[in-house]
Amino acid sequence: MQHQIHLEGYGIRLQPISAGHADALQALTDDALWAGMTSPRPMDAAAYARHIEAQLAEPSTMTFVVEGEGGDIRGTTSFDDHSPSQRRIEIGSTWYGREFWGGRTNPAAKRLLFGYAFDELGLARVALRCDARNTRSAAAIQRLGAVPEGVLRSHRSSPDGSRGDTAYFSVIAQEWPDVRRRLDERLA
């Protein structure tokens, strides 16, 4: 799903990711932050560039780099599994450098992504997911206004070959006005 979508507002920009972002993104990662991902942690910029190339080659994924207004790289987020005929999309592969945890970055990014999905694409459903062991991410997703839907057992492979569960959440079109209002209040 190649794209040229640029979203901006609430103090951040979502830009299409490129291999040129590899140095800055890799510098933000650590083993604990990367735990729960389905790919091995890129240990240097060249490995992160290969990770980005793999993301860009995935036909159903639209990955963004998250930047502050001053151009500082904060992390990434993606649209996945867009089904125009079913009017749905997923947000996934979201992570931020530790200094951006608990602040405005995640709600701002989700406000932009939800707004694009519901208001521009006219979708009926936006799903979000995380590793079921990642209670911090699950709590952050729920603070956005997403509704827990359940856990898919043995849904994903870990880099070490073990299997992991995936927790799913969603916001549907009927909920979007209230979710939008609460995010706008949170970001005001």
C-alpha atoms as a PDB file:
ATOM      1  CA  MET A   1       0.000   0.000   0.000  1.00  0.00           C
ATOM      2  CA  GLN A   2       2.392   2.703  -1.220  1.00  0.00           C
ATOM      3  CA  HIS A   3       1.335   6.169  -0.165  1.00  0.00           C
ATOM      4  CA  GLN A   4       2.113   9.829  -0.163  1.00  0.00           C
ATOM      5  CA  ILE A   5      -0.198  10.764   2.686  1.00  0.00           C
ATOM      6  CA  HIS A   6       1.140  13.454   5.009  1.00  0.00           C
ATOM      7  CA  LEU A   7      -0.876  14.224   8.137  1.00  0.00           C
ATOM      8  CA  GLU A   8      -0.091  17.140  10.418  1.00  0.00           C
ATOM      9  CA  GLY A   9      -1.556  18.647  13.546  1.00  0.00           C
ATOM     10  CA  TYR A  10      -1.504  18.656  17.342  1.00  0.00           C
ATOM     11  CA  GLY A  11       2.250  19.293  17.360  1.00  0.00           C
ATOM     12  CA  ILE A  12       3.293  16.347  15.160  1.00  0.00           C
ATOM     13  CA  ARG A  13       3.608  15.234  11.555  1.00  0.00           C
ATOM     14  CA  LEU A  14       3.053  11.760  10.119  1.00  0.00           C
ATOM     15  CA  GLN A  15       5.236  11.347   7.039  1.00  0.00           C
ATOM     16  CA  PRO A  16       5.757   8.308   4.809  1.00  0.00           C
ATOM     17  CA  ILE A  17       8.664   6.323   6.242  1.00  0.00           C
ATOM     18  CA  SER A  18      11.855   5.924   4.231  1.00  0.00           C
ATOM     19  CA  ALA A  19      15.226   4.267   4.728  1.00  0.00           C
ATOM     20  CA  GLY A  20      16.566   7.756   5.452  1.00  0.00           C
ATOM     21  CA  HIS A  21      14.814   7.598   8.823  1.00  0.00           C
ATOM     22  CA  ALA A  22      16.745   4.468   9.899  1.00  0.00           C
ATOM     23  CA  ASP A  23      19.502   6.168  11.950  1.00  0.00           C
ATOM     24  CA  ALA A  24      17.107   8.240  14.049  1.00  0.00           C
ATOM     25  CA  LEU A  25      14.621   5.402  14.578  1.00  0.00           C
ATOM     26  CA  GLN A  26      17.218   2.793  15.488  1.00  0.00           C
ATOM     27  CA  ALA A  27      18.737   5.179  18.044  1.00  0.00           C
ATOM     28  CA  LEU A  28      15.381   5.286  19.887  1.00  0.00           C
ATOM     29  CA  THR A  29      15.059   1.505  20.302  1.00  0.00           C
ATOM     30  CA  ASP A  30      16.166  -0.792  23.084  1.00  0.00           C
ATOM     31  CA  ASP A  31      15.488  -4.443  23.880  1.00  0.00           C
ATOM     32  CA  ALA A  32      12.651  -3.772  26.344  1.00  0.00           C
ATOM     33  CA  LEU A  33      10.948  -1.280  24.029  1.00  0.00           C
ATOM     34  CA  TRP A  34      11.106  -3.772  21.133  1.00  0.00           C
ATOM     35  CA  ALA A  35       9.794  -6.713  23.199  1.00  0.00           C
ATOM     36  CA  GLY A  36       6.568  -8.054  21.724  1.00  0.00           C
ATOM     37  CA  MET A  37       7.396  -7.065  18.145  1.00  0.00           C
ATOM     38  CA  THR A  38       7.177  -9.748  15.481  1.00  0.00           C
ATOM     39  CA  SER A  39      10.583  -8.950  13.967  1.00  0.00           C
ATOM     40  CA  PRO A  40      14.022  -8.957  15.582  1.00  0.00           C
ATOM     41  CA  ARG A  41      15.193  -5.607  16.958  1.00  0.00           C
ATOM     42  CA  PRO A  42      17.365  -3.864  14.371  1.00  0.00           C
ATOM     43  CA  MET A  43      20.715  -3.514  16.128  1.00  0.00           C
ATOM     44  CA  ASP A  44      22.172  -0.830  13.841  1.00  0.00           C
ATOM     45  CA  ALA A  45      21.021   1.683  11.241  1.00  0.00           C
ATOM     46  CA  ALA A  46      21.657  -0.683   8.323  1.00  0.00           C
ATOM     47  CA  ALA A  47      19.461  -3.338   9.944  1.00  0.00           C
ATOM     48  CA  TYR A  48      16.768  -0.733  10.606  1.00  0.00           C
ATOM     49  CA  ALA A  49      16.939   0.364   6.951  1.00  0.00           C
ATOM     50  CA  ARG A  50      16.312  -3.274   5.949  1.00  0.00           C
ATOM     51  CA  HIS A  51      13.369  -3.359   8.391  1.00  0.00           C
ATOM     52  CA  ILE A  52      11.930  -0.241   6.712  1.00  0.00           C
ATOM     53  CA  GLU A  53      12.413  -1.758   3.249  1.00  0.00           C
ATOM     54  CA  ALA A  54      10.471  -4.836   4.406  1.00  0.00           C
ATOM     55  CA  GLN A  55       7.667  -2.570   5.695  1.00  0.00           C
ATOM     56  CA  LEU A  56       7.583  -0.696   2.372  1.00  0.00           C
ATOM     57  CA  ALA A  57       7.416  -3.994   0.468  1.00  0.00           C
ATOM     58  CA  GLU A  58       4.336  -5.121   2.420  1.00  0.00           C
ATOM     59  CA  PRO A  59       1.409  -4.385   0.077  1.00  0.00           C
ATOM     60  CA  SER A  60      -1.186  -3.948   2.813  1.00  0.00           C
ATOM     61  CA  THR A  61       0.855  -1.614   5.032  1.00  0.00           C
ATOM     62  CA  MET A  62       1.235   2.161   5.056  1.00  0.00           C
ATOM     63  CA  THR A  63       3.969   3.072   7.561  1.00  0.00           C
ATOM     64  CA  PHE A  64       4.553   6.579   8.873  1.00  0.00           C
ATOM     65  CA  VAL A  65       7.424   8.111  10.772  1.00  0.00           C
ATOM     66  CA  VAL A  66       6.175  10.316  13.602  1.00  0.00           C
ATOM     67  CA  GLU A  67       7.959  13.668  13.819  1.00  0.00           C
ATOM     68  CA  GLY A  68       7.660  16.593  16.176  1.00  0.00           C
ATOM     69  CA  GLU A  69       7.110  20.068  14.740  1.00  0.00           C
ATOM     70  CA  GLY A  70      10.864  20.686  14.940  1.00  0.00           C
ATOM     71  CA  GLY A  71      11.584  17.563  12.859  1.00  0.00           C
ATOM     72  CA  ASP A  72      12.604  15.362  15.805  1.00  0.00           C
ATOM     73  CA  ILE A  73      11.866  11.697  15.087  1.00  0.00           C
ATOM     74  CA  ARG A  74       9.636  10.148  17.767  1.00  0.00           C
ATOM     75  CA  GLY A  75       8.725   6.682  16.404  1.00  0.00           C
ATOM     76  CA  THR A  76       6.458   5.001  13.879  1.00  0.00           C
ATOM     77  CA  THR A  77       2.869   3.960  13.314  1.00  0.00           C
ATOM     78  CA  SER A  78       1.116   2.166  10.451  1.00  0.00           C
ATOM     79  CA  PHE A  79      -2.149   1.600   8.707  1.00  0.00           C
ATOM     80  CA  ASP A  80      -2.523  -2.119   7.940  1.00  0.00           C
ATOM     81  CA  ASP A  81      -5.061  -4.391   6.277  1.00  0.00           C
ATOM     82  CA  HIS A  82      -7.127  -1.667   4.614  1.00  0.00           C
ATOM     83  CA  SER A  83     -10.264  -3.180   3.075  1.00  0.00           C
ATOM     84  CA  PRO A  84     -12.140  -0.451   1.194  1.00  0.00           C
ATOM     85  CA  SER A  85     -15.007  -2.804   0.315  1.00  0.00           C
ATOM     86  CA  GLN A  86     -15.460  -3.712   3.999  1.00  0.00           C
ATOM     87  CA  ARG A  87     -14.752  -0.118   5.114  1.00  0.00           C
ATOM     88  CA  ARG A  88     -12.128  -1.095   7.681  1.00  0.00           C
ATOM     89  CA  ILE A  89      -8.459  -0.584   8.518  1.00  0.00           C
ATOM     90  CA  GLU A  90      -6.047  -1.412  11.344  1.00  0.00           C
ATOM     91  CA  ILE A  91      -3.536   0.758  13.138  1.00  0.00           C
ATOM     92  CA  GLY A  92      -0.476  -1.149  14.268  1.00  0.00           C
ATOM     93  CA  SER A  93       3.305  -1.253  14.481  1.00  0.00           C
ATOM     94  CA  THR A  94       3.178   1.801  16.721  1.00  0.00           C
ATOM     95  CA  TRP A  95       6.120   2.547  18.958  1.00  0.00           C
ATOM     96  CA  TYR A  96       7.764   5.693  20.300  1.00  0.00           C
ATOM     97  CA  GLY A  97      11.062   6.496  21.939  1.00  0.00           C
ATOM     98  CA  ARG A  98      10.770   6.382  25.714  1.00  0.00           C
ATOM     99  CA  GLU A  99      10.959  10.164  26.105  1.00  0.00           C
ATOM    100  CA  PHE A 100       7.639  10.402  24.219  1.00  0.00           C
ATOM    101  CA  TRP A 101       5.749   7.880  26.356  1.00  0.00           C
ATOM    102  CA  GLY A 102       2.789   9.192  28.317  1.00  0.00           C
ATOM    103  CA  GLY A 103       2.681  12.568  26.593  1.00  0.00           C
ATOM    104  CA  ARG A 104       0.827  14.012  23.617  1.00  0.00           C
ATOM    105  CA  THR A 105       2.563  12.058  20.831  1.00  0.00           C
ATOM    106  CA  ASN A 106       0.379   8.936  20.814  1.00  0.00           C
ATOM    107  CA  PRO A 107      -3.019  10.652  21.241  1.00  0.00           C
ATOM    108  CA  ALA A 108      -2.019  13.205  18.584  1.00  0.00           C
ATOM    109  CA  ALA A 109      -0.965  10.501  16.123  1.00  0.00           C
ATOM    110  CA  LYS A 110      -4.139   8.508  16.735  1.00  0.00           C
ATOM    111  CA  ARG A 111      -6.289  11.655  16.381  1.00  0.00           C
ATOM    112  CA  LEU A 112      -4.738  12.241  12.938  1.00  0.00           C
ATOM    113  CA  LEU A 113      -5.067   8.579  11.887  1.00  0.00           C
ATOM    114  CA  PHE A 114      -8.646   8.196  13.154  1.00  0.00           C
ATOM    115  CA  GLY A 115      -9.604  11.485  11.503  1.00  0.00           C
ATOM    116  CA  TYR A 116      -8.173  10.361   8.177  1.00  0.00           C
ATOM    117  CA  ALA A 117      -9.794   6.923   8.393  1.00  0.00           C
ATOM    118  CA  PHE A 118     -13.266   8.093   9.407  1.00  0.00           C
ATOM    119  CA  ASP A 119     -13.510  11.582   7.902  1.00  0.00           C
ATOM    120  CA  GLU A 120     -11.476  11.215   4.690  1.00  0.00           C
ATOM    121  CA  LEU A 121     -11.842   7.523   3.822  1.00  0.00           C
ATOM    122  CA  GLY A 122     -15.349   7.134   5.267  1.00  0.00           C
ATOM    123  CA  LEU A 123     -14.493   3.891   7.028  1.00  0.00           C
ATOM    124  CA  ALA A 124     -16.817   2.108   9.437  1.00  0.00           C
ATOM    125  CA  ARG A 125     -14.157   0.508  11.678  1.00  0.00           C
ATOM    126  CA  VAL A 126     -10.608   1.160  12.842  1.00  0.00           C
ATOM    127  CA  ALA A 127      -8.982  -1.709  14.734  1.00  0.00           C
ATOM    128  CA  LEU A 128      -5.905  -1.490  16.934  1.00  0.00           C
ATOM    129  CA  ARG A 129      -3.802  -4.318  18.296  1.00  0.00           C
ATOM    130  CA  CYS A 130      -0.890  -5.046  20.552  1.00  0.00           C
ATOM    131  CA  ASP A 131       0.955  -7.976  22.050  1.00  0.00           C
ATOM    132  CA  ALA A 132      -1.403  -9.244  24.767  1.00  0.00           C
ATOM    133  CA  ARG A 133       1.443  -9.167  27.326  1.00  0.00           C
ATOM    134  CA  ASN A 134       1.954  -5.450  26.704  1.00  0.00           C
ATOM    135  CA  THR A 135      -0.425  -4.112  29.325  1.00  0.00           C
ATOM    136  CA  ARG A 136       1.031  -0.604  28.971  1.00  0.00           C
ATOM    137  CA  SER A 137       0.064  -0.422  25.278  1.00  0.00           C
ATOM    138  CA  ALA A 138      -3.325  -2.004  25.946  1.00  0.00           C
ATOM    139  CA  ALA A 139      -4.061   0.648  28.575  1.00  0.00           C
ATOM    140  CA  ALA A 140      -2.924   3.438  26.209  1.00  0.00           C
ATOM    141  CA  ILE A 141      -5.192   2.094  23.454  1.00  0.00           C
ATOM    142  CA  GLN A 142      -8.163   2.055  25.824  1.00  0.00           C
ATOM    143  CA  ARG A 143      -7.387   5.641  26.976  1.00  0.00           C
ATOM    144  CA  LEU A 144      -7.812   6.645  23.325  1.00  0.00           C
ATOM    145  CA  GLY A 145     -11.410   5.423  23.500  1.00  0.00           C
ATOM    146  CA  ALA A 146     -10.981   2.071  21.757  1.00  0.00           C
ATOM    147  CA  VAL A 147     -13.137  -0.815  22.967  1.00  0.00           C
ATOM    148  CA  PRO A 148     -11.452  -4.139  23.891  1.00  0.00           C
ATOM    149  CA  GLU A 149     -12.658  -6.969  21.668  1.00  0.00           C
ATOM    150  CA  GLY A 150     -10.679  -9.944  22.862  1.00  0.00           C
ATOM    151  CA  VAL A 151      -7.451 -11.847  22.475  1.00  0.00           C
ATOM    152  CA  LEU A 152      -6.418 -13.949  19.487  1.00  0.00           C
ATOM    153  CA  ARG A 153      -4.448 -16.861  20.879  1.00  0.00           C
ATOM    154  CA  SER A 154      -1.152 -17.935  19.292  1.00  0.00           C
ATOM    155  CA  HIS A 155      -1.724 -15.219  16.695  1.00  0.00           C
ATOM    156  CA  ARG A 156       1.824 -14.037  16.120  1.00  0.00           C
ATOM    157  CA  SER A 157       5.368 -15.301  15.916  1.00  0.00           C
ATOM    158  CA  SER A 158       8.110 -13.768  18.001  1.00  0.00           C
ATOM    159  CA  PRO A 159      11.678 -13.403  16.704  1.00  0.00           C
ATOM    160  CA  ASP A 160      12.760 -16.259  19.001  1.00  0.00           C
ATOM    161  CA  GLY A 161      10.207 -18.586  17.361  1.00  0.00           C
ATOM    162  CA  SER A 162       7.748 -18.590  20.254  1.00  0.00           C
ATOM    163  CA  ARG A 163       4.068 -17.828  19.713  1.00  0.00           C
ATOM    164  CA  GLY A 164       2.288 -14.852  21.226  1.00  0.00           C
ATOM    165  CA  ASP A 165      -1.275 -13.657  21.682  1.00  0.00           C
ATOM    166  CA  THR A 166      -2.668 -10.446  20.195  1.00  0.00           C
ATOM    167  CA  ALA A 167      -5.132  -8.168  21.993  1.00  0.00           C
ATOM    168  CA  TYR A 168      -7.620  -6.431  19.676  1.00  0.00           C
ATOM    169  CA  PHE A 169      -9.514  -3.171  20.155  1.00  0.00           C
ATOM    170  CA  SER A 170     -11.632  -1.020  17.867  1.00  0.00           C
ATOM    171  CA  VAL A 171     -13.372   2.268  17.327  1.00  0.00           C
ATOM    172  CA  ILE A 172     -16.403   2.174  15.038  1.00  0.00           C
ATOM    173  CA  ALA A 173     -17.936   5.049  13.106  1.00  0.00           C
ATOM    174  CA  GLN A 174     -20.791   5.522  15.584  1.00  0.00           C
ATOM    175  CA  GLU A 175     -18.231   5.985  18.393  1.00  0.00           C
ATOM    176  CA  TRP A 176     -15.959   8.303  16.443  1.00  0.00           C
ATOM    177  CA  PRO A 177     -17.703  11.620  17.336  1.00  0.00           C
ATOM    178  CA  ASP A 178     -17.301  10.927  21.070  1.00  0.00           C
ATOM    179  CA  VAL A 179     -13.753   9.591  20.659  1.00  0.00           C
ATOM    180  CA  ARG A 180     -12.871  12.668  18.551  1.00  0.00           C
ATOM    181  CA  ARG A 181     -14.318  15.034  21.170  1.00  0.00           C
ATOM    182  CA  ARG A 182     -12.414  13.351  24.015  1.00  0.00           C
ATOM    183  CA  LEU A 183      -9.137  13.323  22.054  1.00  0.00           C
ATOM    184  CA  ASP A 184      -9.605  16.972  21.091  1.00  0.00           C
ATOM    185  CA  GLU A 185     -10.192  17.854  24.766  1.00  0.00           C
ATOM    186  CA  ARG A 186      -7.134  15.850  25.784  1.00  0.00           C
ATOM    187  CA  LEU A 187      -4.992  17.621  23.162  1.00  0.00           C
ATOM    188  CA  ALA A 188      -6.358  21.149  23.801  1.00  0.00           C
END
